[in-house]
Amino acid sequence: MTSSPKNPVYVGYNSTSIPLKYMSEKLKIGISTCLLGVNIRYDGGHKNSRLVNKFEKIFDYHPICPEVGSGMSTPRPAIHLMEGDSPEEVRLVESKNHEVDYTDQMQAYSERETKALQDLVDGYILMGKSPSCGMDRIKVYKKAGQPSANKARGLFAEKLLVNNPLLPVEEEGRLHDAVLRENFIARVYIFREWKQFIAQEPSVAGLQLFHQKLKYKVMSHSPSALNQLGRMVSNPDKKAMDQVYKEYIALLMETIKQPAKKNGILNALQHVYGYFKNKVDEDEKKYLLEMLEDYKEGFVPLIMVRRALSHLAEKHENEYILQQNLIKRYPKHLNLYRDL
């Protein structure tokens, strides 16, 4: 069963000066329209994704088909990327007639549309292997029609990433990997919270509080980046706050872009456990240490360790740990940590 694309909703600001679109329960996610089951592909079909449908309880989708949006019809001749006149140039042309070139209209549309997304969405899910939406390693063909050794990004995806360098972006196919899926959703939540945060009056104290909640999340990715970010929020050089914010979020999103390694996660979890090791009895201590070891060896999933530490934090009324992004639980129905 197909569905029609939802119209984006533009809203103003509430009395607390936080944009209402950031206060909505659902996260705003840009998405390749065909993934929603809309018959909009070149052959008149779709690429409906069950995984995407699974996220509907937390995601409010903003669908875009750059091919149709830039003026192509449905159905339409197949297109692909072709080598241009220089090694860096690629052209978007019809597969069977290279004289029909869509490059300029696609680039103009993509430039305009992706810039308009800057304040509208919290993340983006692209259709992979597409000459318009593919995020990486898209086939490029020579002018004579043979496959080239070169690979490229889809033209729309390229503009999306260049014009929105902080935005969490992932291909639908990669989201079937549990680790990549968890990392993408974690980044979307953090980016959403950042936009909500910067809509308020800037202050060093506010940034320190924002950073405090991410301490162990960042530690799991990179202890050195945690130190750099900690120095930024203390602002020893007395930089203007807008510059501090810019530098902070750039490093934060770059740090968490790649999934944390298990050893990094384990290190951060052990630091969290350190808050309670002198407050638990011997049986609890043995249980927690065994669970950490079992997680290290792959015998228990990450969600079990998070729940155990969250339970401890609730028991001892430790709000600092309860607010940690590394410990917070996302909606259960997503099964985000089942395979981690």
C-alpha atoms as a PDB file:
ATOM      1  CA  MET A   1       0.000   0.000   0.000  1.00  0.00           C
ATOM      2  CA  THR A   2       1.495   3.357  -0.986  1.00  0.00           C
ATOM      3  CA  SER A   3       1.258   6.600   0.881  1.00  0.00           C
ATOM      4  CA  SER A   4       1.456  10.220  -0.119  1.00  0.00           C
ATOM      5  CA  PRO A   5       4.351  12.395   1.054  1.00  0.00           C
ATOM      6  CA  LYS A   6       3.581  14.417   4.131  1.00  0.00           C
ATOM      7  CA  ASN A   7       3.717  18.172   3.802  1.00  0.00           C
ATOM      8  CA  PRO A   8       6.324  19.848   6.000  1.00  0.00           C
ATOM      9  CA  VAL A   9       4.859  21.926   8.800  1.00  0.00           C
ATOM     10  CA  TYR A  10       6.440  25.317   9.430  1.00  0.00           C
ATOM     11  CA  VAL A  11       5.830  26.767  12.866  1.00  0.00           C
ATOM     12  CA  GLY A  12       6.932  29.825  14.753  1.00  0.00           C
ATOM     13  CA  TYR A  13       8.373  30.362  18.190  1.00  0.00           C
ATOM     14  CA  ASN A  14       6.811  29.885  21.575  1.00  0.00           C
ATOM     15  CA  SER A  15       7.041  32.132  24.579  1.00  0.00           C
ATOM     16  CA  THR A  16      10.262  30.510  25.787  1.00  0.00           C
ATOM     17  CA  SER A  17      11.949  31.383  22.461  1.00  0.00           C
ATOM     18  CA  ILE A  18      12.485  27.705  21.586  1.00  0.00           C
ATOM     19  CA  PRO A  19      11.162  26.902  18.099  1.00  0.00           C
ATOM     20  CA  LEU A  20       8.015  24.809  18.414  1.00  0.00           C
ATOM     21  CA  LYS A  21       9.327  22.330  15.840  1.00  0.00           C
ATOM     22  CA  TYR A  22      12.090  21.455  18.321  1.00  0.00           C
ATOM     23  CA  MET A  23       9.575  20.927  21.107  1.00  0.00           C
ATOM     24  CA  SER A  24       7.584  18.323  19.162  1.00  0.00           C
ATOM     25  CA  GLU A  25       7.820  14.796  20.490  1.00  0.00           C
ATOM     26  CA  LYS A  26       8.821  13.395  17.107  1.00  0.00           C
ATOM     27  CA  LEU A  27      12.172  13.953  15.449  1.00  0.00           C
ATOM     28  CA  LYS A  28      12.136  15.630  12.035  1.00  0.00           C
ATOM     29  CA  ILE A  29      13.828  13.405   9.469  1.00  0.00           C
ATOM     30  CA  GLY A  30      14.419  14.172   5.809  1.00  0.00           C
ATOM     31  CA  ILE A  31      14.073  11.077   3.655  1.00  0.00           C
ATOM     32  CA  SER A  32      14.192   9.871   0.072  1.00  0.00           C
ATOM     33  CA  THR A  33      10.495   9.715  -0.855  1.00  0.00           C
ATOM     34  CA  CYS A  34      10.652   6.267  -2.472  1.00  0.00           C
ATOM     35  CA  LEU A  35      11.532   4.741   0.919  1.00  0.00           C
ATOM     36  CA  LEU A  36       8.051   5.644   2.151  1.00  0.00           C
ATOM     37  CA  GLY A  37       6.370   3.469  -0.464  1.00  0.00           C
ATOM     38  CA  VAL A  38       5.524   6.280  -2.878  1.00  0.00           C
ATOM     39  CA  ASN A  39       5.586   5.268  -6.556  1.00  0.00           C
ATOM     40  CA  ILE A  40       8.071   7.877  -7.627  1.00  0.00           C
ATOM     41  CA  ARG A  41      11.109   5.980  -8.946  1.00  0.00           C
ATOM     42  CA  TYR A  42      12.226   6.050 -12.582  1.00  0.00           C
ATOM     43  CA  ASP A  43      10.300   2.831 -13.327  1.00  0.00           C
ATOM     44  CA  GLY A  44       7.151   4.045 -11.568  1.00  0.00           C
ATOM     45  CA  GLY A  45       7.819   1.864  -8.529  1.00  0.00           C
ATOM     46  CA  HIS A  46       9.055   2.470  -4.983  1.00  0.00           C
ATOM     47  CA  LYS A  47      11.530   1.130  -2.424  1.00  0.00           C
ATOM     48  CA  ASN A  48       9.264   0.928   0.609  1.00  0.00           C
ATOM     49  CA  SER A  49      11.375   0.232   3.704  1.00  0.00           C
ATOM     50  CA  ARG A  50      10.007  -1.779   6.622  1.00  0.00           C
ATOM     51  CA  LEU A  51      12.808  -0.391   8.752  1.00  0.00           C
ATOM     52  CA  VAL A  52      11.773   3.178   7.960  1.00  0.00           C
ATOM     53  CA  ASN A  53       8.160   2.289   8.784  1.00  0.00           C
ATOM     54  CA  LYS A  54       9.342   0.962  12.141  1.00  0.00           C
ATOM     55  CA  PHE A  55      10.653   4.421  13.047  1.00  0.00           C
ATOM     56  CA  GLU A  56       7.348   6.214  12.469  1.00  0.00           C
ATOM     57  CA  LYS A  57       6.610   6.370  16.205  1.00  0.00           C
ATOM     58  CA  ILE A  58       9.600   8.662  16.765  1.00  0.00           C
ATOM     59  CA  PHE A  59      10.255  10.155  13.309  1.00  0.00           C
ATOM     60  CA  ASP A  60       8.174  12.737  11.452  1.00  0.00           C
ATOM     61  CA  TYR A  61       9.309  12.360   7.850  1.00  0.00           C
ATOM     62  CA  HIS A  62       9.979  15.190   5.422  1.00  0.00           C
ATOM     63  CA  PRO A  63      10.114  13.381   2.054  1.00  0.00           C
ATOM     64  CA  ILE A  64      12.128  14.618  -0.904  1.00  0.00           C
ATOM     65  CA  CYS A  65      12.692  13.073  -4.316  1.00  0.00           C
ATOM     66  CA  PRO A  66      15.360  15.257  -5.920  1.00  0.00           C
ATOM     67  CA  GLU A  67      14.820  13.725  -9.350  1.00  0.00           C
ATOM     68  CA  VAL A  68      11.128  14.620  -9.455  1.00  0.00           C
ATOM     69  CA  GLY A  69      11.744  17.810  -7.494  1.00  0.00           C
ATOM     70  CA  SER A  70      14.268  18.997 -10.064  1.00  0.00           C
ATOM     71  CA  GLY A  71      11.788  18.497 -12.905  1.00  0.00           C
ATOM     72  CA  MET A  72      11.996  14.865 -14.058  1.00  0.00           C
ATOM     73  CA  SER A  73       8.843  12.884 -14.759  1.00  0.00           C
ATOM     74  CA  THR A  74       7.581   9.569 -13.348  1.00  0.00           C
ATOM     75  CA  PRO A  75       8.191   7.188 -14.961  1.00  0.00           C
ATOM     76  CA  ARG A  76      11.386   8.417 -16.666  1.00  0.00           C
ATOM     77  CA  PRO A  77      14.431   7.045 -18.441  1.00  0.00           C
ATOM     78  CA  ALA A  78      17.108   5.595 -16.164  1.00  0.00           C
ATOM     79  CA  ILE A  79      19.979   7.940 -15.299  1.00  0.00           C
ATOM     80  CA  HIS A  80      23.554   7.476 -14.137  1.00  0.00           C
ATOM     81  CA  LEU A  81      26.689   9.426 -13.334  1.00  0.00           C
ATOM     82  CA  MET A  82      29.161   9.975 -16.179  1.00  0.00           C
ATOM     83  CA  GLU A  83      32.723  11.281 -16.236  1.00  0.00           C
ATOM     84  CA  GLY A  84      32.974  14.951 -17.154  1.00  0.00           C
ATOM     85  CA  ASP A  85      35.722  16.891 -18.869  1.00  0.00           C
ATOM     86  CA  SER A  86      37.965  16.793 -15.796  1.00  0.00           C
ATOM     87  CA  PRO A  87      38.773  14.009 -13.277  1.00  0.00           C
ATOM     88  CA  GLU A  88      36.767  15.828 -10.579  1.00  0.00           C
ATOM     89  CA  GLU A  89      33.659  16.428 -12.657  1.00  0.00           C
ATOM     90  CA  VAL A  90      30.695  14.075 -12.918  1.00  0.00           C
ATOM     91  CA  ARG A  91      27.576  14.588 -14.973  1.00  0.00           C
ATOM     92  CA  LEU A  92      24.064  13.249 -14.405  1.00  0.00           C
ATOM     93  CA  VAL A  93      22.789  11.924 -17.722  1.00  0.00           C
ATOM     94  CA  GLU A  94      20.315   9.478 -19.174  1.00  0.00           C
ATOM     95  CA  SER A  95      21.848   6.020 -19.249  1.00  0.00           C
ATOM     96  CA  LYS A  96      20.957   5.357 -22.898  1.00  0.00           C
ATOM     97  CA  ASN A  97      21.292   8.897 -24.209  1.00  0.00           C
ATOM     98  CA  HIS A  98      24.140  10.936 -22.771  1.00  0.00           C
ATOM     99  CA  GLU A  99      22.991  13.972 -24.702  1.00  0.00           C
ATOM    100  CA  VAL A 100      20.185  14.367 -22.165  1.00  0.00           C
ATOM    101  CA  ASP A 101      22.034  15.963 -19.253  1.00  0.00           C
ATOM    102  CA  TYR A 102      20.305  16.790 -15.944  1.00  0.00           C
ATOM    103  CA  THR A 103      23.405  17.991 -14.092  1.00  0.00           C
ATOM    104  CA  ASP A 104      22.721  21.711 -13.947  1.00  0.00           C
ATOM    105  CA  GLN A 105      19.052  21.440 -12.953  1.00  0.00           C
ATOM    106  CA  MET A 106      19.848  18.817 -10.317  1.00  0.00           C
ATOM    107  CA  GLN A 107      22.642  20.900  -8.809  1.00  0.00           C
ATOM    108  CA  ALA A 108      20.525  24.057  -8.754  1.00  0.00           C
ATOM    109  CA  TYR A 109      17.611  22.228  -7.124  1.00  0.00           C
ATOM    110  CA  SER A 110      19.863  20.430  -4.624  1.00  0.00           C
ATOM    111  CA  GLU A 111      21.639  23.626  -3.610  1.00  0.00           C
ATOM    112  CA  ARG A 112      18.356  25.396  -2.934  1.00  0.00           C
ATOM    113  CA  GLU A 113      16.587  22.485  -1.248  1.00  0.00           C
ATOM    114  CA  THR A 114      19.414  21.354   1.037  1.00  0.00           C
ATOM    115  CA  LYS A 115      20.031  24.874   2.312  1.00  0.00           C
ATOM    116  CA  ALA A 116      16.329  25.139   3.143  1.00  0.00           C
ATOM    117  CA  LEU A 117      16.667  22.000   5.268  1.00  0.00           C
ATOM    118  CA  GLN A 118      19.149  23.526   7.720  1.00  0.00           C
ATOM    119  CA  ASP A 119      16.533  24.455  10.331  1.00  0.00           C
ATOM    120  CA  LEU A 120      13.849  21.988   9.297  1.00  0.00           C
ATOM    121  CA  VAL A 121      15.234  18.495   9.944  1.00  0.00           C
ATOM    122  CA  ASP A 122      17.225  16.729  12.662  1.00  0.00           C
ATOM    123  CA  GLY A 123      18.619  13.990  10.427  1.00  0.00           C
ATOM    124  CA  TYR A 124      18.349  12.505   6.958  1.00  0.00           C
ATOM    125  CA  ILE A 125      17.900   8.998   5.504  1.00  0.00           C
ATOM    126  CA  LEU A 126      19.020   8.561   1.904  1.00  0.00           C
ATOM    127  CA  MET A 127      18.303   5.888  -0.680  1.00  0.00           C
ATOM    128  CA  GLY A 128      21.596   4.128  -1.379  1.00  0.00           C
ATOM    129  CA  LYS A 129      23.155   3.330  -4.789  1.00  0.00           C
ATOM    130  CA  SER A 130      21.272   6.212  -6.384  1.00  0.00           C
ATOM    131  CA  PRO A 131      22.957   8.704  -8.768  1.00  0.00           C
ATOM    132  CA  SER A 132      21.060  11.449  -6.961  1.00  0.00           C
ATOM    133  CA  CYS A 133      20.755  10.223  -3.348  1.00  0.00           C
ATOM    134  CA  GLY A 134      23.604   7.722  -2.926  1.00  0.00           C
ATOM    135  CA  MET A 135      25.895   8.758  -0.099  1.00  0.00           C
ATOM    136  CA  ASP A 136      29.094   7.039  -1.190  1.00  0.00           C
ATOM    137  CA  ARG A 137      30.774   4.907  -3.882  1.00  0.00           C
ATOM    138  CA  ILE A 138      28.160   5.420  -6.593  1.00  0.00           C
ATOM    139  CA  LYS A 139      29.081   3.964  -9.979  1.00  0.00           C
ATOM    140  CA  VAL A 140      30.439   6.394 -12.568  1.00  0.00           C
ATOM    141  CA  TYR A 141      30.504   5.559 -16.268  1.00  0.00           C
ATOM    142  CA  LYS A 142      32.803   6.658 -19.059  1.00  0.00           C
ATOM    143  CA  LYS A 143      31.418   8.635 -21.969  1.00  0.00           C
ATOM    144  CA  ALA A 144      31.640   5.534 -24.122  1.00  0.00           C
ATOM    145  CA  GLY A 145      29.389   3.720 -21.662  1.00  0.00           C
ATOM    146  CA  GLN A 146      31.847   1.439 -19.845  1.00  0.00           C
ATOM    147  CA  PRO A 147      32.075   1.518 -16.035  1.00  0.00           C
ATOM    148  CA  SER A 148      34.797   3.802 -14.726  1.00  0.00           C
ATOM    149  CA  ALA A 149      37.153   3.028 -11.852  1.00  0.00           C
ATOM    150  CA  ASN A 150      35.983   6.283 -10.283  1.00  0.00           C
ATOM    151  CA  LYS A 151      33.239   6.407  -7.655  1.00  0.00           C
ATOM    152  CA  ALA A 152      31.228   9.422  -6.510  1.00  0.00           C
ATOM    153  CA  ARG A 153      28.362  10.658  -4.379  1.00  0.00           C
ATOM    154  CA  GLY A 154      24.925  11.266  -5.773  1.00  0.00           C
ATOM    155  CA  LEU A 155      24.526  14.926  -6.727  1.00  0.00           C
ATOM    156  CA  PHE A 156      21.796  15.650  -4.186  1.00  0.00           C
ATOM    157  CA  ALA A 157      23.636  13.759  -1.436  1.00  0.00           C
ATOM    158  CA  GLU A 158      26.781  15.771  -2.154  1.00  0.00           C
ATOM    159  CA  LYS A 159      24.969  19.078  -1.683  1.00  0.00           C
ATOM    160  CA  LEU A 160      23.172  17.767   1.398  1.00  0.00           C
ATOM    161  CA  LEU A 161      26.447  16.875   3.121  1.00  0.00           C
ATOM    162  CA  VAL A 162      28.299  20.028   2.057  1.00  0.00           C
ATOM    163  CA  ASN A 163      25.514  22.421   3.047  1.00  0.00           C
ATOM    164  CA  ASN A 164      24.654  20.584   6.294  1.00  0.00           C
ATOM    165  CA  PRO A 165      27.981  19.347   7.699  1.00  0.00           C
ATOM    166  CA  LEU A 166      26.565  18.800  11.214  1.00  0.00           C
ATOM    167  CA  LEU A 167      23.433  16.942  10.131  1.00  0.00           C
ATOM    168  CA  PRO A 168      23.300  13.196  10.915  1.00  0.00           C
ATOM    169  CA  VAL A 169      22.926  11.488   7.527  1.00  0.00           C
ATOM    170  CA  GLU A 170      22.786   7.777   6.728  1.00  0.00           C
ATOM    171  CA  GLU A 171      21.720   5.456   3.924  1.00  0.00           C
ATOM    172  CA  GLU A 172      18.702   3.242   4.547  1.00  0.00           C
ATOM    173  CA  GLY A 173      20.599   0.072   3.705  1.00  0.00           C
ATOM    174  CA  ARG A 174      23.283   0.740   6.305  1.00  0.00           C
ATOM    175  CA  LEU A 175      20.638   1.221   8.997  1.00  0.00           C
ATOM    176  CA  HIS A 176      19.928  -2.511   8.933  1.00  0.00           C
ATOM    177  CA  ASP A 177      23.239  -2.866  10.778  1.00  0.00           C
ATOM    178  CA  ALA A 178      22.415  -2.587  14.506  1.00  0.00           C
ATOM    179  CA  VAL A 179      25.555  -0.640  15.402  1.00  0.00           C
ATOM    180  CA  LEU A 180      25.114   1.910  12.605  1.00  0.00           C
ATOM    181  CA  ARG A 181      21.404   2.214  13.408  1.00  0.00           C
ATOM    182  CA  GLU A 182      22.035   2.951  17.089  1.00  0.00           C
ATOM    183  CA  ASN A 183      24.740   5.458  16.234  1.00  0.00           C
ATOM    184  CA  PHE A 184      22.540   7.303  13.730  1.00  0.00           C
ATOM    185  CA  ILE A 185      19.607   7.600  16.119  1.00  0.00           C
ATOM    186  CA  ALA A 186      21.876   8.676  18.982  1.00  0.00           C
ATOM    187  CA  ARG A 187      23.320  11.410  16.763  1.00  0.00           C
ATOM    188  CA  VAL A 188      19.863  12.567  15.719  1.00  0.00           C
ATOM    189  CA  TYR A 189      18.755  12.886  19.352  1.00  0.00           C
ATOM    190  CA  ILE A 190      21.909  14.809  20.260  1.00  0.00           C
ATOM    191  CA  PHE A 191      21.626  17.136  17.275  1.00  0.00           C
ATOM    192  CA  ARG A 192      17.971  17.801  18.093  1.00  0.00           C
ATOM    193  CA  GLU A 193      18.883  18.627  21.699  1.00  0.00           C
ATOM    194  CA  TRP A 194      21.642  20.914  20.468  1.00  0.00           C
ATOM    195  CA  LYS A 195      19.240  22.926  18.305  1.00  0.00           C
ATOM    196  CA  GLN A 196      16.863  23.174  21.225  1.00  0.00           C
ATOM    197  CA  PHE A 197      19.716  24.323  23.443  1.00  0.00           C
ATOM    198  CA  ILE A 198      21.082  27.054  21.142  1.00  0.00           C
ATOM    199  CA  ALA A 199      17.618  28.555  20.718  1.00  0.00           C
ATOM    200  CA  GLN A 200      18.033  29.830  24.286  1.00  0.00           C
ATOM    201  CA  GLU A 201      20.211  32.617  25.662  1.00  0.00           C
ATOM    202  CA  PRO A 202      23.894  31.647  25.158  1.00  0.00           C
ATOM    203  CA  SER A 203      26.003  31.177  28.266  1.00  0.00           C
ATOM    204  CA  VAL A 204      29.070  29.329  29.476  1.00  0.00           C
ATOM    205  CA  ALA A 205      27.043  27.754  32.276  1.00  0.00           C
ATOM    206  CA  GLY A 206      24.437  26.480  29.828  1.00  0.00           C
ATOM    207  CA  LEU A 207      27.064  24.949  27.568  1.00  0.00           C
ATOM    208  CA  GLN A 208      28.745  23.297  30.533  1.00  0.00           C
ATOM    209  CA  LEU A 209      25.439  21.707  31.546  1.00  0.00           C
ATOM    210  CA  PHE A 210      24.802  20.508  27.984  1.00  0.00           C
ATOM    211  CA  HIS A 211      28.295  19.026  27.808  1.00  0.00           C
ATOM    212  CA  GLN A 212      28.007  17.435  31.236  1.00  0.00           C
ATOM    213  CA  LYS A 213      25.186  15.171  30.047  1.00  0.00           C
ATOM    214  CA  LEU A 214      27.345  13.950  27.156  1.00  0.00           C
ATOM    215  CA  LYS A 215      30.501  13.227  29.139  1.00  0.00           C
ATOM    216  CA  TYR A 216      30.423   9.440  29.013  1.00  0.00           C
ATOM    217  CA  LYS A 217      28.925   9.292  25.531  1.00  0.00           C
ATOM    218  CA  VAL A 218      31.873  11.303  24.202  1.00  0.00           C
ATOM    219  CA  MET A 219      34.319   9.316  26.334  1.00  0.00           C
ATOM    220  CA  SER A 220      33.097   6.111  24.697  1.00  0.00           C
ATOM    221  CA  HIS A 221      34.095   7.547  21.314  1.00  0.00           C
ATOM    222  CA  SER A 222      37.272   9.438  22.181  1.00  0.00           C
ATOM    223  CA  PRO A 223      38.769  10.399  25.583  1.00  0.00           C
ATOM    224  CA  SER A 224      41.021  12.918  23.841  1.00  0.00           C
ATOM    225  CA  ALA A 225      38.030  14.624  22.204  1.00  0.00           C
ATOM    226  CA  LEU A 226      36.351  14.709  25.620  1.00  0.00           C
ATOM    227  CA  ASN A 227      39.337  16.651  26.946  1.00  0.00           C
ATOM    228  CA  GLN A 228      39.228  19.059  24.011  1.00  0.00           C
ATOM    229  CA  LEU A 229      35.511  19.653  24.421  1.00  0.00           C
ATOM    230  CA  GLY A 230      35.933  20.139  28.164  1.00  0.00           C
ATOM    231  CA  ARG A 231      38.485  22.865  27.514  1.00  0.00           C
ATOM    232  CA  MET A 232      36.157  24.524  25.008  1.00  0.00           C
ATOM    233  CA  VAL A 233      33.256  24.752  27.435  1.00  0.00           C
ATOM    234  CA  SER A 234      35.457  26.295  30.128  1.00  0.00           C
ATOM    235  CA  ASN A 235      36.399  28.964  27.544  1.00  0.00           C
ATOM    236  CA  PRO A 236      39.767  29.923  29.067  1.00  0.00           C
ATOM    237  CA  ASP A 237      40.561  32.228  26.137  1.00  0.00           C
ATOM    238  CA  LYS A 238      37.338  34.216  26.648  1.00  0.00           C
ATOM    239  CA  LYS A 239      36.156  33.747  23.078  1.00  0.00           C
ATOM    240  CA  ALA A 240      32.802  35.057  21.923  1.00  0.00           C
ATOM    241  CA  MET A 241      30.125  32.507  22.796  1.00  0.00           C
ATOM    242  CA  ASP A 242      28.938  32.120  19.211  1.00  0.00           C
ATOM    243  CA  GLN A 243      32.459  31.060  18.234  1.00  0.00           C
ATOM    244  CA  VAL A 244      32.673  28.655  21.185  1.00  0.00           C
ATOM    245  CA  TYR A 245      29.338  27.120  20.214  1.00  0.00           C
ATOM    246  CA  LYS A 246      30.457  26.737  16.594  1.00  0.00           C
ATOM    247  CA  GLU A 247      33.710  25.024  17.516  1.00  0.00           C
ATOM    248  CA  TYR A 248      32.066  22.837  20.145  1.00  0.00           C
ATOM    249  CA  ILE A 249      29.288  21.389  17.996  1.00  0.00           C
ATOM    250  CA  ALA A 250      31.630  20.820  15.045  1.00  0.00           C
ATOM    251  CA  LEU A 251      33.989  18.714  17.157  1.00  0.00           C
ATOM    252  CA  LEU A 252      31.146  16.965  18.990  1.00  0.00           C
ATOM    253  CA  MET A 253      29.343  15.818  15.831  1.00  0.00           C
ATOM    254  CA  GLU A 254      32.600  14.791  14.161  1.00  0.00           C
ATOM    255  CA  THR A 255      33.583  12.763  17.246  1.00  0.00           C
ATOM    256  CA  ILE A 256      30.343  10.782  17.399  1.00  0.00           C
ATOM    257  CA  LYS A 257      29.978  10.382  13.631  1.00  0.00           C
ATOM    258  CA  GLN A 258      31.578   6.939  13.666  1.00  0.00           C
ATOM    259  CA  PRO A 259      30.213   4.306  16.078  1.00  0.00           C
ATOM    260  CA  ALA A 260      32.138   3.885  19.317  1.00  0.00           C
ATOM    261  CA  LYS A 261      34.266   0.753  19.620  1.00  0.00           C
ATOM    262  CA  LYS A 262      33.358  -1.807  22.258  1.00  0.00           C
ATOM    263  CA  ASN A 263      36.516  -1.071  24.278  1.00  0.00           C
ATOM    264  CA  GLY A 264      35.604   2.626  24.335  1.00  0.00           C
ATOM    265  CA  ILE A 265      32.061   1.873  25.483  1.00  0.00           C
ATOM    266  CA  LEU A 266      33.359  -0.503  28.135  1.00  0.00           C
ATOM    267  CA  ASN A 267      35.799   2.120  29.415  1.00  0.00           C
ATOM    268  CA  ALA A 268      32.989   4.671  29.763  1.00  0.00           C
ATOM    269  CA  LEU A 269      30.706   2.147  31.483  1.00  0.00           C
ATOM    270  CA  GLN A 270      33.460   1.299  33.954  1.00  0.00           C
ATOM    271  CA  HIS A 271      33.802   4.997  34.790  1.00  0.00           C
ATOM    272  CA  VAL A 272      30.049   5.144  35.426  1.00  0.00           C
ATOM    273  CA  TYR A 273      30.291   2.074  37.653  1.00  0.00           C
ATOM    274  CA  GLY A 274      32.972   3.918  39.624  1.00  0.00           C
ATOM    275  CA  TYR A 275      30.265   6.184  41.039  1.00  0.00           C
ATOM    276  CA  PHE A 276      28.711   3.229  42.833  1.00  0.00           C
ATOM    277  CA  LYS A 277      31.499   0.792  43.645  1.00  0.00           C
ATOM    278  CA  ASN A 278      31.734   2.048  47.240  1.00  0.00           C
ATOM    279  CA  LYS A 279      27.940   2.137  47.675  1.00  0.00           C
ATOM    280  CA  VAL A 280      27.014  -1.405  46.670  1.00  0.00           C
ATOM    281  CA  ASP A 281      27.343  -4.559  48.723  1.00  0.00           C
ATOM    282  CA  GLU A 282      29.626  -7.425  47.726  1.00  0.00           C
ATOM    283  CA  ASP A 283      26.921  -9.338  45.876  1.00  0.00           C
ATOM    284  CA  GLU A 284      25.941  -6.295  43.806  1.00  0.00           C
ATOM    285  CA  LYS A 285      29.583  -5.516  43.109  1.00  0.00           C
ATOM    286  CA  LYS A 286      30.225  -9.075  41.920  1.00  0.00           C
ATOM    287  CA  TYR A 287      27.111  -9.004  39.742  1.00  0.00           C
ATOM    288  CA  LEU A 288      28.050  -5.700  38.084  1.00  0.00           C
ATOM    289  CA  LEU A 289      31.681  -6.611  37.491  1.00  0.00           C
ATOM    290  CA  GLU A 290      30.641  -9.931  35.983  1.00  0.00           C
ATOM    291  CA  MET A 291      28.140  -8.165  33.737  1.00  0.00           C
ATOM    292  CA  LEU A 292      30.820  -5.751  32.515  1.00  0.00           C
ATOM    293  CA  GLU A 293      33.115  -8.669  31.786  1.00  0.00           C
ATOM    294  CA  ASP A 294      30.314 -10.545  30.014  1.00  0.00           C
ATOM    295  CA  TYR A 295      29.624  -7.466  27.880  1.00  0.00           C
ATOM    296  CA  LYS A 296      33.313  -7.306  27.000  1.00  0.00           C
ATOM    297  CA  GLU A 297      33.249 -10.957  25.904  1.00  0.00           C
ATOM    298  CA  GLY A 298      30.000 -10.541  23.963  1.00  0.00           C
ATOM    299  CA  PHE A 299      27.815 -12.673  26.242  1.00  0.00           C
ATOM    300  CA  VAL A 300      25.344  -9.905  27.134  1.00  0.00           C
ATOM    301  CA  PRO A 301      24.050  -6.960  25.064  1.00  0.00           C
ATOM    302  CA  LEU A 302      24.721  -3.345  25.890  1.00  0.00           C
ATOM    303  CA  ILE A 303      21.121  -2.696  26.905  1.00  0.00           C
ATOM    304  CA  MET A 304      21.471  -5.021  29.922  1.00  0.00           C
ATOM    305  CA  VAL A 305      24.473  -3.087  31.222  1.00  0.00           C
ATOM    306  CA  ARG A 306      22.734   0.247  30.710  1.00  0.00           C
ATOM    307  CA  ARG A 307      19.662  -0.958  32.559  1.00  0.00           C
ATOM    308  CA  ALA A 308      21.731  -2.246  35.486  1.00  0.00           C
ATOM    309  CA  LEU A 309      23.595   1.062  35.815  1.00  0.00           C
ATOM    310  CA  SER A 310      20.383   3.034  35.373  1.00  0.00           C
ATOM    311  CA  HIS A 311      18.782   0.983  38.145  1.00  0.00           C
ATOM    312  CA  LEU A 312      21.720   1.766  40.421  1.00  0.00           C
ATOM    313  CA  ALA A 313      21.463   5.466  39.627  1.00  0.00           C
ATOM    314  CA  GLU A 314      17.743   5.426  40.466  1.00  0.00           C
ATOM    315  CA  LYS A 315      18.350   3.488  43.662  1.00  0.00           C
ATOM    316  CA  HIS A 316      20.980   5.954  44.857  1.00  0.00           C
ATOM    317  CA  GLU A 317      19.150   8.988  43.401  1.00  0.00           C
ATOM    318  CA  ASN A 318      22.128   9.986  41.269  1.00  0.00           C
ATOM    319  CA  GLU A 319      20.632  12.482  38.821  1.00  0.00           C
ATOM    320  CA  TYR A 320      24.037  13.127  37.236  1.00  0.00           C
ATOM    321  CA  ILE A 321      24.241   9.541  35.975  1.00  0.00           C
ATOM    322  CA  LEU A 322      20.532   9.306  35.145  1.00  0.00           C
ATOM    323  CA  GLN A 323      20.897  12.274  32.800  1.00  0.00           C
ATOM    324  CA  GLN A 324      23.903  10.826  30.983  1.00  0.00           C
ATOM    325  CA  ASN A 325      23.288  10.260  27.285  1.00  0.00           C
ATOM    326  CA  LEU A 326      25.208   6.977  27.469  1.00  0.00           C
ATOM    327  CA  ILE A 327      22.732   5.625  30.034  1.00  0.00           C
ATOM    328  CA  LYS A 328      19.452   7.097  28.769  1.00  0.00           C
ATOM    329  CA  ARG A 329      17.152   4.553  27.156  1.00  0.00           C
ATOM    330  CA  TYR A 330      15.593   5.173  23.772  1.00  0.00           C
ATOM    331  CA  PRO A 331      12.095   3.854  22.920  1.00  0.00           C
ATOM    332  CA  LYS A 332      12.021   0.123  23.667  1.00  0.00           C
ATOM    333  CA  HIS A 333      10.175  -0.854  20.495  1.00  0.00           C
ATOM    334  CA  LEU A 334      13.215   0.123  18.408  1.00  0.00           C
ATOM    335  CA  ASN A 335      15.341  -2.690  19.881  1.00  0.00           C
ATOM    336  CA  LEU A 336      18.347  -0.465  19.258  1.00  0.00           C
ATOM    337  CA  TYR A 337      20.796  -2.426  21.354  1.00  0.00           C
ATOM    338  CA  ARG A 338      19.635  -5.953  20.603  1.00  0.00           C
ATOM    339  CA  ASP A 339      22.741  -6.862  18.608  1.00  0.00           C
ATOM    340  CA  LEU A 340      25.345  -4.634  20.287  1.00  0.00           C
END
